[in-house]
Amino acid sequence: MDLPHTSRLTAERLHDDHLGDLCRMHGDPRVMATLGGTRSDEETLIFLRSNLDHWTQHGFGLFVFRDRAGGAFVGRGGLRHVEIGGKDEIELAYVIAAFWGKGLATEMAAALLSLGIDRLGLTGIVAFTLTTNMGSRRVMEKLGLHFERDIRHAGLLHALYRSVADGL
């Protein structure tokens, strides 16, 4: 599979060597404020294992993104199966841990959406965030995703968006 990339970001398929970067990101209260709170290193290891298993089962999943200029860890993102309202959906997931306010979340998410629709032929791609996370909602809207409804996910109220490729 071709790796998603942008003019400013490179991607690496998620692997065990990313645990340290993920632990630092998952332990940062600013980053995790809109993702249900910080995670312990043990919880992050479980997260990593689960997402590595997703790659094995489905042939796609999460990537780690780095700054093309210097190789610094920027965040993670990808496409993965998630259950919403008892239905299996494909989630466009993205988290920026560094370099905020530079449009990198939009770049990352656009590259991932293109991967899903254009290269993997996926339909039914959704993205969701806390209803109060206006920055992430703007990213989804810039990508042409349409607000569908509010949902409960992980016990919290989220705004669910769906890709244009679904005919909405």
N, C-alpha and C. Protein backbone atom coordinates (compact mmCIF):
# COMPACT_ATOMS: atom_id res chain seq x y z
N MET A 1 0.84 -1.18 0.00
CA MET A 1 0.00 0.00 0.00
C MET A 1 0.88 1.24 0.00
N ASP A 2 0.53 2.19 -0.86
CA ASP A 2 1.21 3.48 -0.84
C ASP A 2 0.91 4.17 0.48
N LEU A 3 1.90 4.82 1.05
CA LEU A 3 1.70 5.53 2.29
C LEU A 3 1.10 6.91 2.02
N PRO A 4 0.15 7.33 2.85
CA PRO A 4 -0.38 8.68 2.67
C PRO A 4 0.70 9.70 3.02
N HIS A 5 0.73 10.79 2.31
CA HIS A 5 1.72 11.82 2.59
C HIS A 5 1.19 13.16 2.08
N THR A 6 1.84 14.22 2.52
CA THR A 6 1.51 15.56 2.04
C THR A 6 2.84 16.25 1.75
N SER A 7 2.76 17.48 1.34
CA SER A 7 4.00 18.22 1.08
C SER A 7 4.80 18.45 2.36
N ARG A 8 4.13 18.41 3.51
CA ARG A 8 4.82 18.67 4.78
C ARG A 8 4.89 17.48 5.72
N LEU A 9 4.21 16.37 5.37
CA LEU A 9 4.14 15.22 6.26
C LEU A 9 4.50 13.93 5.55
N THR A 10 5.19 13.06 6.27
CA THR A 10 5.41 11.69 5.80
C THR A 10 4.69 10.76 6.76
N ALA A 11 4.34 9.58 6.29
CA ALA A 11 3.62 8.61 7.10
C ALA A 11 4.40 7.31 7.18
N GLU A 12 4.25 6.65 8.31
CA GLU A 12 4.80 5.31 8.52
C GLU A 12 3.67 4.43 9.03
N ARG A 13 3.58 3.24 8.50
CA ARG A 13 2.60 2.29 9.03
C ARG A 13 2.90 2.08 10.51
N LEU A 14 1.88 2.07 11.32
CA LEU A 14 2.03 1.88 12.76
C LEU A 14 2.80 0.61 13.07
N HIS A 15 3.78 0.69 13.98
CA HIS A 15 4.50 -0.50 14.43
C HIS A 15 4.97 -0.33 15.86
N ASP A 16 5.53 -1.38 16.41
CA ASP A 16 5.94 -1.41 17.83
C ASP A 16 6.88 -0.27 18.21
N ASP A 17 7.74 0.14 17.30
CA ASP A 17 8.70 1.19 17.61
C ASP A 17 8.05 2.55 17.88
N HIS A 18 6.76 2.68 17.58
CA HIS A 18 6.06 3.94 17.81
C HIS A 18 5.51 4.08 19.23
N LEU A 19 5.70 3.06 20.06
CA LEU A 19 5.11 3.10 21.40
C LEU A 19 5.54 4.33 22.19
N GLY A 20 6.79 4.70 22.16
CA GLY A 20 7.26 5.86 22.91
C GLY A 20 6.57 7.15 22.50
N ASP A 21 6.47 7.39 21.18
CA ASP A 21 5.79 8.59 20.69
C ASP A 21 4.32 8.57 21.11
N LEU A 22 3.69 7.42 21.00
CA LEU A 22 2.28 7.32 21.37
C LEU A 22 2.07 7.54 22.87
N CYS A 23 2.97 6.99 23.68
CA CYS A 23 2.86 7.19 25.14
C CYS A 23 2.98 8.67 25.50
N ARG A 24 3.92 9.36 24.88
CA ARG A 24 4.07 10.80 25.15
C ARG A 24 2.81 11.56 24.72
N MET A 25 2.29 11.22 23.55
CA MET A 25 1.09 11.89 23.07
C MET A 25 -0.11 11.57 23.95
N HIS A 26 -0.31 10.30 24.28
CA HIS A 26 -1.46 9.88 25.08
C HIS A 26 -1.37 10.36 26.52
N GLY A 27 -0.19 10.74 26.96
CA GLY A 27 -0.02 11.26 28.31
C GLY A 27 -0.13 12.78 28.39
N ASP A 28 -0.29 13.45 27.27
CA ASP A 28 -0.37 14.91 27.22
C ASP A 28 -1.82 15.36 27.40
N PRO A 29 -2.14 16.02 28.51
CA PRO A 29 -3.53 16.43 28.76
C PRO A 29 -4.09 17.37 27.69
N ARG A 30 -3.24 18.21 27.08
CA ARG A 30 -3.73 19.13 26.04
C ARG A 30 -4.18 18.36 24.81
N VAL A 31 -3.39 17.39 24.41
CA VAL A 31 -3.73 16.59 23.23
C VAL A 31 -4.96 15.74 23.49
N MET A 32 -5.02 15.14 24.65
CA MET A 32 -6.05 14.15 24.94
C MET A 32 -7.35 14.76 25.50
N ALA A 33 -7.39 16.08 25.65
CA ALA A 33 -8.57 16.75 26.20
C ALA A 33 -9.83 16.44 25.40
N THR A 34 -9.71 16.26 24.10
CA THR A 34 -10.87 15.98 23.26
C THR A 34 -10.98 14.50 22.89
N LEU A 35 -10.15 13.67 23.53
CA LEU A 35 -10.15 12.23 23.20
C LEU A 35 -10.44 11.37 24.43
N GLY A 36 -11.14 11.93 25.39
CA GLY A 36 -11.53 11.15 26.55
C GLY A 36 -10.53 11.17 27.69
N GLY A 37 -9.50 11.98 27.61
CA GLY A 37 -8.52 12.08 28.69
C GLY A 37 -7.27 11.28 28.42
N THR A 38 -6.27 11.51 29.25
CA THR A 38 -4.97 10.86 29.06
C THR A 38 -5.08 9.35 29.25
N ARG A 39 -4.10 8.66 28.69
CA ARG A 39 -4.00 7.19 28.82
C ARG A 39 -2.67 6.86 29.46
N SER A 40 -2.68 5.84 30.28
CA SER A 40 -1.43 5.34 30.87
C SER A 40 -0.61 4.65 29.79
N ASP A 41 0.65 4.39 30.10
CA ASP A 41 1.50 3.66 29.15
C ASP A 41 0.93 2.28 28.87
N GLU A 42 0.37 1.63 29.89
CA GLU A 42 -0.25 0.32 29.70
C GLU A 42 -1.46 0.40 28.77
N GLU A 43 -2.29 1.41 28.96
CA GLU A 43 -3.45 1.61 28.08
C GLU A 43 -2.99 1.90 26.65
N THR A 44 -1.91 2.65 26.52
CA THR A 44 -1.39 2.95 25.19
C THR A 44 -0.84 1.69 24.53
N LEU A 45 -0.21 0.82 25.30
CA LEU A 45 0.27 -0.45 24.74
C LEU A 45 -0.91 -1.29 24.24
N ILE A 46 -1.99 -1.33 25.00
CA ILE A 46 -3.20 -2.05 24.57
C ILE A 46 -3.75 -1.42 23.30
N PHE A 47 -3.78 -0.08 23.24
CA PHE A 47 -4.22 0.64 22.05
C PHE A 47 -3.36 0.25 20.84
N LEU A 48 -2.03 0.25 21.03
CA LEU A 48 -1.12 -0.11 19.95
C LEU A 48 -1.38 -1.53 19.47
N ARG A 49 -1.46 -2.48 20.39
CA ARG A 49 -1.69 -3.88 20.02
C ARG A 49 -3.01 -4.04 19.25
N SER A 50 -4.05 -3.37 19.73
CA SER A 50 -5.35 -3.45 19.06
C SER A 50 -5.26 -2.91 17.65
N ASN A 51 -4.54 -1.81 17.47
CA ASN A 51 -4.44 -1.22 16.14
C ASN A 51 -3.49 -1.99 15.22
N LEU A 52 -2.50 -2.67 15.77
CA LEU A 52 -1.67 -3.57 14.96
C LEU A 52 -2.50 -4.77 14.51
N ASP A 53 -3.36 -5.28 15.39
CA ASP A 53 -4.26 -6.37 15.03
C ASP A 53 -5.22 -5.93 13.91
N HIS A 54 -5.66 -4.67 13.96
CA HIS A 54 -6.55 -4.16 12.92
C HIS A 54 -5.86 -4.24 11.56
N TRP A 55 -4.59 -3.86 11.50
CA TRP A 55 -3.83 -3.97 10.24
C TRP A 55 -3.83 -5.42 9.74
N THR A 56 -3.58 -6.35 10.63
CA THR A 56 -3.52 -7.76 10.25
C THR A 56 -4.87 -8.25 9.72
N GLN A 57 -5.94 -7.84 10.37
CA GLN A 57 -7.28 -8.30 9.99
C GLN A 57 -7.82 -7.63 8.74
N HIS A 58 -7.49 -6.34 8.53
CA HIS A 58 -8.16 -5.59 7.47
C HIS A 58 -7.25 -5.05 6.37
N GLY A 59 -5.94 -5.07 6.58
CA GLY A 59 -5.03 -4.57 5.56
C GLY A 59 -4.89 -3.06 5.52
N PHE A 60 -5.47 -2.38 6.48
CA PHE A 60 -5.31 -0.94 6.63
C PHE A 60 -5.47 -0.60 8.10
N GLY A 61 -5.12 0.63 8.45
CA GLY A 61 -5.22 1.02 9.85
C GLY A 61 -4.59 2.37 10.09
N LEU A 62 -3.93 2.51 11.25
CA LEU A 62 -3.34 3.78 11.65
C LEU A 62 -1.90 3.92 11.16
N PHE A 63 -1.51 5.17 10.97
CA PHE A 63 -0.16 5.56 10.61
C PHE A 63 0.35 6.56 11.64
N VAL A 64 1.66 6.67 11.73
CA VAL A 64 2.29 7.76 12.46
C VAL A 64 2.75 8.77 11.42
N PHE A 65 2.51 10.04 11.70
CA PHE A 65 2.91 11.10 10.78
C PHE A 65 4.06 11.90 11.39
N ARG A 66 5.02 12.24 10.52
CA ARG A 66 6.18 13.01 10.92
C ARG A 66 6.34 14.23 10.02
N ASP A 67 6.97 15.24 10.59
CA ASP A 67 7.31 16.45 9.84
C ASP A 67 8.34 16.07 8.78
N ARG A 68 8.04 16.37 7.55
CA ARG A 68 8.93 16.01 6.44
C ARG A 68 10.29 16.69 6.57
N ALA A 69 10.31 17.93 7.06
CA ALA A 69 11.56 18.70 7.14
C ALA A 69 12.53 18.13 8.16
N GLY A 70 12.05 17.76 9.34
CA GLY A 70 12.97 17.33 10.39
C GLY A 70 12.70 15.96 10.98
N GLY A 71 11.61 15.33 10.60
CA GLY A 71 11.29 14.00 11.09
C GLY A 71 10.63 13.96 12.45
N ALA A 72 10.25 15.11 13.00
CA ALA A 72 9.62 15.14 14.32
C ALA A 72 8.23 14.50 14.25
N PHE A 73 7.87 13.83 15.34
CA PHE A 73 6.55 13.22 15.48
C PHE A 73 5.49 14.32 15.48
N VAL A 74 4.49 14.19 14.61
CA VAL A 74 3.41 15.17 14.51
C VAL A 74 2.11 14.61 15.09
N GLY A 75 1.83 13.34 14.84
CA GLY A 75 0.60 12.74 15.33
C GLY A 75 0.34 11.39 14.70
N ARG A 76 -0.89 10.94 14.85
CA ARG A 76 -1.29 9.67 14.27
C ARG A 76 -2.62 9.83 13.58
N GLY A 77 -2.85 8.97 12.62
CA GLY A 77 -4.14 8.99 11.94
C GLY A 77 -4.26 7.80 11.01
N GLY A 78 -5.47 7.54 10.59
CA GLY A 78 -5.67 6.43 9.68
C GLY A 78 -7.13 6.13 9.49
N LEU A 79 -7.38 4.94 9.00
CA LEU A 79 -8.72 4.44 8.74
C LEU A 79 -8.88 3.15 9.53
N ARG A 80 -10.00 3.03 10.22
CA ARG A 80 -10.20 1.82 11.01
C ARG A 80 -11.68 1.56 11.22
N HIS A 81 -11.98 0.29 11.45
CA HIS A 81 -13.34 -0.11 11.74
C HIS A 81 -13.70 0.34 13.16
N VAL A 82 -14.93 0.82 13.31
CA VAL A 82 -15.45 1.22 14.61
C VAL A 82 -16.95 0.96 14.61
N GLU A 83 -17.48 0.59 15.76
CA GLU A 83 -18.92 0.37 15.86
C GLU A 83 -19.61 1.63 16.34
N ILE A 84 -20.62 2.04 15.58
CA ILE A 84 -21.41 3.22 15.93
C ILE A 84 -22.88 2.82 15.84
N GLY A 85 -23.56 2.88 16.96
CA GLY A 85 -24.98 2.54 16.98
C GLY A 85 -25.26 1.13 16.52
N GLY A 86 -24.36 0.20 16.85
CA GLY A 86 -24.54 -1.19 16.46
C GLY A 86 -24.17 -1.50 15.02
N LYS A 87 -23.63 -0.52 14.30
CA LYS A 87 -23.26 -0.70 12.89
C LYS A 87 -21.75 -0.53 12.73
N ASP A 88 -21.15 -1.39 11.92
CA ASP A 88 -19.73 -1.28 11.61
C ASP A 88 -19.53 -0.14 10.62
N GLU A 89 -18.65 0.78 10.96
CA GLU A 89 -18.32 1.92 10.11
C GLU A 89 -16.82 1.97 9.92
N ILE A 90 -16.37 2.71 8.90
CA ILE A 90 -14.95 2.98 8.71
C ILE A 90 -14.71 4.42 9.17
N GLU A 91 -13.87 4.55 10.19
CA GLU A 91 -13.58 5.86 10.77
C GLU A 91 -12.32 6.47 10.16
N LEU A 92 -12.42 7.73 9.82
CA LEU A 92 -11.26 8.56 9.49
C LEU A 92 -10.82 9.16 10.82
N ALA A 93 -9.66 8.73 11.31
CA ALA A 93 -9.17 9.17 12.62
C ALA A 93 -7.90 9.99 12.43
N TYR A 94 -7.76 11.06 13.21
CA TYR A 94 -6.55 11.87 13.14
C TYR A 94 -6.37 12.62 14.45
N VAL A 95 -5.13 12.71 14.88
CA VAL A 95 -4.77 13.43 16.10
C VAL A 95 -3.43 14.12 15.85
N ILE A 96 -3.39 15.41 16.11
CA ILE A 96 -2.15 16.17 16.00
C ILE A 96 -1.61 16.38 17.41
N ALA A 97 -0.36 16.00 17.63
CA ALA A 97 0.26 16.13 18.95
C ALA A 97 1.22 17.31 19.02
N ALA A 98 1.61 17.82 17.87
CA ALA A 98 2.57 18.93 17.81
C ALA A 98 2.29 19.76 16.57
N PHE A 99 2.86 20.94 16.53
CA PHE A 99 2.71 21.81 15.36
C PHE A 99 1.27 22.25 15.15
N TRP A 100 0.55 22.54 16.23
CA TRP A 100 -0.85 22.96 16.14
C TRP A 100 -0.97 24.30 15.42
N GLY A 101 -2.13 24.49 14.80
CA GLY A 101 -2.44 25.76 14.18
C GLY A 101 -1.77 26.00 12.85
N LYS A 102 -1.26 24.97 12.23
CA LYS A 102 -0.56 25.12 10.94
C LYS A 102 -1.27 24.41 9.80
N GLY A 103 -2.48 23.91 10.04
CA GLY A 103 -3.23 23.22 9.00
C GLY A 103 -2.82 21.78 8.77
N LEU A 104 -2.00 21.22 9.66
CA LEU A 104 -1.52 19.85 9.45
C LEU A 104 -2.61 18.81 9.67
N ALA A 105 -3.56 19.08 10.56
CA ALA A 105 -4.66 18.13 10.76
C ALA A 105 -5.46 17.99 9.47
N THR A 106 -5.70 19.10 8.80
CA THR A 106 -6.44 19.06 7.54
C THR A 106 -5.64 18.30 6.48
N GLU A 107 -4.34 18.56 6.40
CA GLU A 107 -3.50 17.84 5.43
C GLU A 107 -3.50 16.34 5.70
N MET A 108 -3.32 15.98 6.96
CA MET A 108 -3.29 14.57 7.34
C MET A 108 -4.61 13.90 6.99
N ALA A 109 -5.71 14.52 7.42
CA ALA A 109 -7.03 13.93 7.19
C ALA A 109 -7.36 13.84 5.70
N ALA A 110 -6.97 14.84 4.92
CA ALA A 110 -7.24 14.81 3.47
C ALA A 110 -6.48 13.67 2.80
N ALA A 111 -5.23 13.47 3.19
CA ALA A 111 -4.45 12.37 2.63
C ALA A 111 -5.06 11.02 2.99
N LEU A 112 -5.56 10.90 4.21
CA LEU A 112 -6.18 9.65 4.66
C LEU A 112 -7.51 9.40 3.97
N LEU A 113 -8.29 10.45 3.79
CA LEU A 113 -9.57 10.31 3.10
C LEU A 113 -9.34 9.90 1.66
N SER A 114 -8.34 10.49 1.00
CA SER A 114 -8.00 10.11 -0.36
C SER A 114 -7.55 8.65 -0.42
N LEU A 115 -6.75 8.24 0.53
CA LEU A 115 -6.33 6.84 0.60
C LEU A 115 -7.55 5.93 0.66
N GLY A 116 -8.47 6.25 1.54
CA GLY A 116 -9.65 5.40 1.73
C GLY A 116 -10.55 5.33 0.51
N ILE A 117 -10.84 6.48 -0.06
CA ILE A 117 -11.79 6.52 -1.18
C ILE A 117 -11.13 6.16 -2.50
N ASP A 118 -10.02 6.82 -2.82
CA ASP A 118 -9.41 6.67 -4.14
C ASP A 118 -8.57 5.41 -4.29
N ARG A 119 -7.86 5.01 -3.25
CA ARG A 119 -6.96 3.87 -3.40
C ARG A 119 -7.51 2.58 -2.82
N LEU A 120 -8.30 2.67 -1.73
CA LEU A 120 -8.85 1.46 -1.13
C LEU A 120 -10.29 1.19 -1.55
N GLY A 121 -10.93 2.18 -2.19
CA GLY A 121 -12.30 2.02 -2.64
C GLY A 121 -13.31 1.91 -1.52
N LEU A 122 -13.00 2.48 -0.36
CA LEU A 122 -13.90 2.40 0.78
C LEU A 122 -15.05 3.39 0.62
N THR A 123 -16.21 2.99 1.08
CA THR A 123 -17.36 3.89 1.15
C THR A 123 -17.84 3.88 2.59
N GLY A 124 -18.66 4.84 2.91
CA GLY A 124 -19.18 4.89 4.27
C GLY A 124 -18.18 5.41 5.27
N ILE A 125 -17.23 6.23 4.84
CA ILE A 125 -16.23 6.76 5.76
C ILE A 125 -16.86 7.85 6.63
N VAL A 126 -16.66 7.70 7.94
CA VAL A 126 -17.18 8.66 8.90
C VAL A 126 -16.03 9.24 9.71
N ALA A 127 -16.30 10.37 10.32
CA ALA A 127 -15.39 10.98 11.28
C ALA A 127 -16.25 11.55 12.38
N PHE A 128 -15.73 11.55 13.59
CA PHE A 128 -16.51 12.10 14.70
C PHE A 128 -15.57 12.72 15.73
N THR A 129 -16.13 13.66 16.45
CA THR A 129 -15.40 14.37 17.49
C THR A 129 -16.39 14.84 18.53
N LEU A 130 -15.88 15.24 19.68
CA LEU A 130 -16.76 15.83 20.68
C LEU A 130 -17.51 17.00 20.04
N THR A 131 -18.75 17.18 20.41
CA THR A 131 -19.55 18.24 19.81
C THR A 131 -18.92 19.62 20.04
N THR A 132 -18.12 19.75 21.08
CA THR A 132 -17.49 21.04 21.42
C THR A 132 -16.15 21.26 20.74
N ASN A 133 -15.63 20.27 20.02
CA ASN A 133 -14.32 20.39 19.37
C ASN A 133 -14.48 21.06 18.00
N MET A 134 -14.57 22.37 18.04
CA MET A 134 -14.85 23.12 16.81
C MET A 134 -13.69 23.03 15.81
N GLY A 135 -12.46 22.92 16.28
CA GLY A 135 -11.32 22.79 15.37
C GLY A 135 -11.43 21.53 14.53
N SER A 136 -11.72 20.41 15.15
CA SER A 136 -11.84 19.16 14.41
C SER A 136 -13.07 19.17 13.51
N ARG A 137 -14.13 19.78 13.97
CA ARG A 137 -15.32 19.88 13.12
C ARG A 137 -15.02 20.71 11.87
N ARG A 138 -14.23 21.77 12.01
CA ARG A 138 -13.85 22.58 10.84
C ARG A 138 -13.02 21.74 9.86
N VAL A 139 -12.12 20.90 10.39
CA VAL A 139 -11.34 20.02 9.52
C VAL A 139 -12.28 19.14 8.71
N MET A 140 -13.23 18.52 9.36
CA MET A 140 -14.17 17.62 8.67
C MET A 140 -14.96 18.38 7.60
N GLU A 141 -15.38 19.58 7.92
CA GLU A 141 -16.15 20.37 6.95
C GLU A 141 -15.28 20.82 5.78
N LYS A 142 -14.02 21.18 6.04
CA LYS A 142 -13.09 21.54 4.95
C LYS A 142 -12.91 20.38 3.98
N LEU A 143 -12.95 19.16 4.51
CA LEU A 143 -12.78 17.97 3.67
C LEU A 143 -14.04 17.61 2.90
N GLY A 144 -15.13 18.32 3.16
CA GLY A 144 -16.38 18.04 2.46
C GLY A 144 -17.23 17.00 3.15
N LEU A 145 -16.89 16.60 4.36
CA LEU A 145 -17.74 15.69 5.10
C LEU A 145 -18.96 16.47 5.59
N HIS A 146 -20.08 15.78 5.69
CA HIS A 146 -21.33 16.41 6.08
C HIS A 146 -21.77 15.93 7.46
N PHE A 147 -22.21 16.89 8.27
CA PHE A 147 -22.74 16.53 9.58
C PHE A 147 -23.96 15.66 9.39
N GLU A 148 -23.99 14.52 10.11
CA GLU A 148 -25.12 13.61 10.00
C GLU A 148 -26.00 13.67 11.25
N ARG A 149 -25.36 13.53 12.42
CA ARG A 149 -26.15 13.53 13.66
C ARG A 149 -25.20 13.50 14.86
N ASP A 150 -25.74 13.76 16.02
CA ASP A 150 -24.98 13.58 17.25
C ASP A 150 -25.12 12.12 17.68
N ILE A 151 -24.04 11.58 18.23
CA ILE A 151 -24.01 10.19 18.69
C ILE A 151 -23.36 10.13 20.07
N ARG A 152 -23.58 9.04 20.75
CA ARG A 152 -22.83 8.75 21.98
C ARG A 152 -21.74 7.76 21.61
N HIS A 153 -20.50 8.13 21.93
CA HIS A 153 -19.36 7.24 21.70
C HIS A 153 -18.48 7.32 22.94
N ALA A 154 -18.09 6.18 23.46
CA ALA A 154 -17.28 6.11 24.68
C ALA A 154 -17.93 6.92 25.81
N GLY A 155 -19.27 6.93 25.83
CA GLY A 155 -20.01 7.60 26.88
C GLY A 155 -20.10 9.10 26.75
N LEU A 156 -19.59 9.67 25.64
CA LEU A 156 -19.58 11.12 25.46
C LEU A 156 -20.33 11.50 24.18
N LEU A 157 -20.87 12.70 24.16
CA LEU A 157 -21.61 13.20 23.00
C LEU A 157 -20.64 13.65 21.92
N HIS A 158 -20.79 13.08 20.73
CA HIS A 158 -19.94 13.39 19.58
C HIS A 158 -20.79 13.83 18.40
N ALA A 159 -20.19 14.61 17.52
CA ALA A 159 -20.80 14.98 16.24
C ALA A 159 -20.26 14.02 15.19
N LEU A 160 -21.16 13.36 14.47
CA LEU A 160 -20.79 12.39 13.43
C LEU A 160 -20.92 13.04 12.06
N TYR A 161 -19.84 12.92 11.28
CA TYR A 161 -19.80 13.43 9.91
C TYR A 161 -19.59 12.26 8.96
N ARG A 162 -20.05 12.41 7.72
CA ARG A 162 -19.95 11.34 6.73
C ARG A 162 -19.40 11.91 5.43
N SER A 163 -18.63 11.09 4.70
CA SER A 163 -17.99 11.54 3.46
C SER A 163 -19.00 11.73 2.33
N VAL A 164 -18.65 12.65 1.43
CA VAL A 164 -19.47 12.96 0.26
C VAL A 164 -19.59 11.73 -0.64
N ALA A 165 -18.56 10.88 -0.65
CA ALA A 165 -18.55 9.70 -1.50
C ALA A 165 -19.72 8.78 -1.20
N ASP A 166 -20.40 9.00 -0.08
CA ASP A 166 -21.54 8.17 0.29
C ASP A 166 -22.83 8.64 -0.35
N GLY A 167 -22.76 9.67 -1.17
CA GLY A 167 -23.94 10.15 -1.86
C GLY A 167 -24.79 11.10 -1.05
N LEU A 168 -24.26 11.65 0.01
CA LEU A 168 -25.02 12.62 0.81
C LEU A 168 -24.93 14.00 0.21
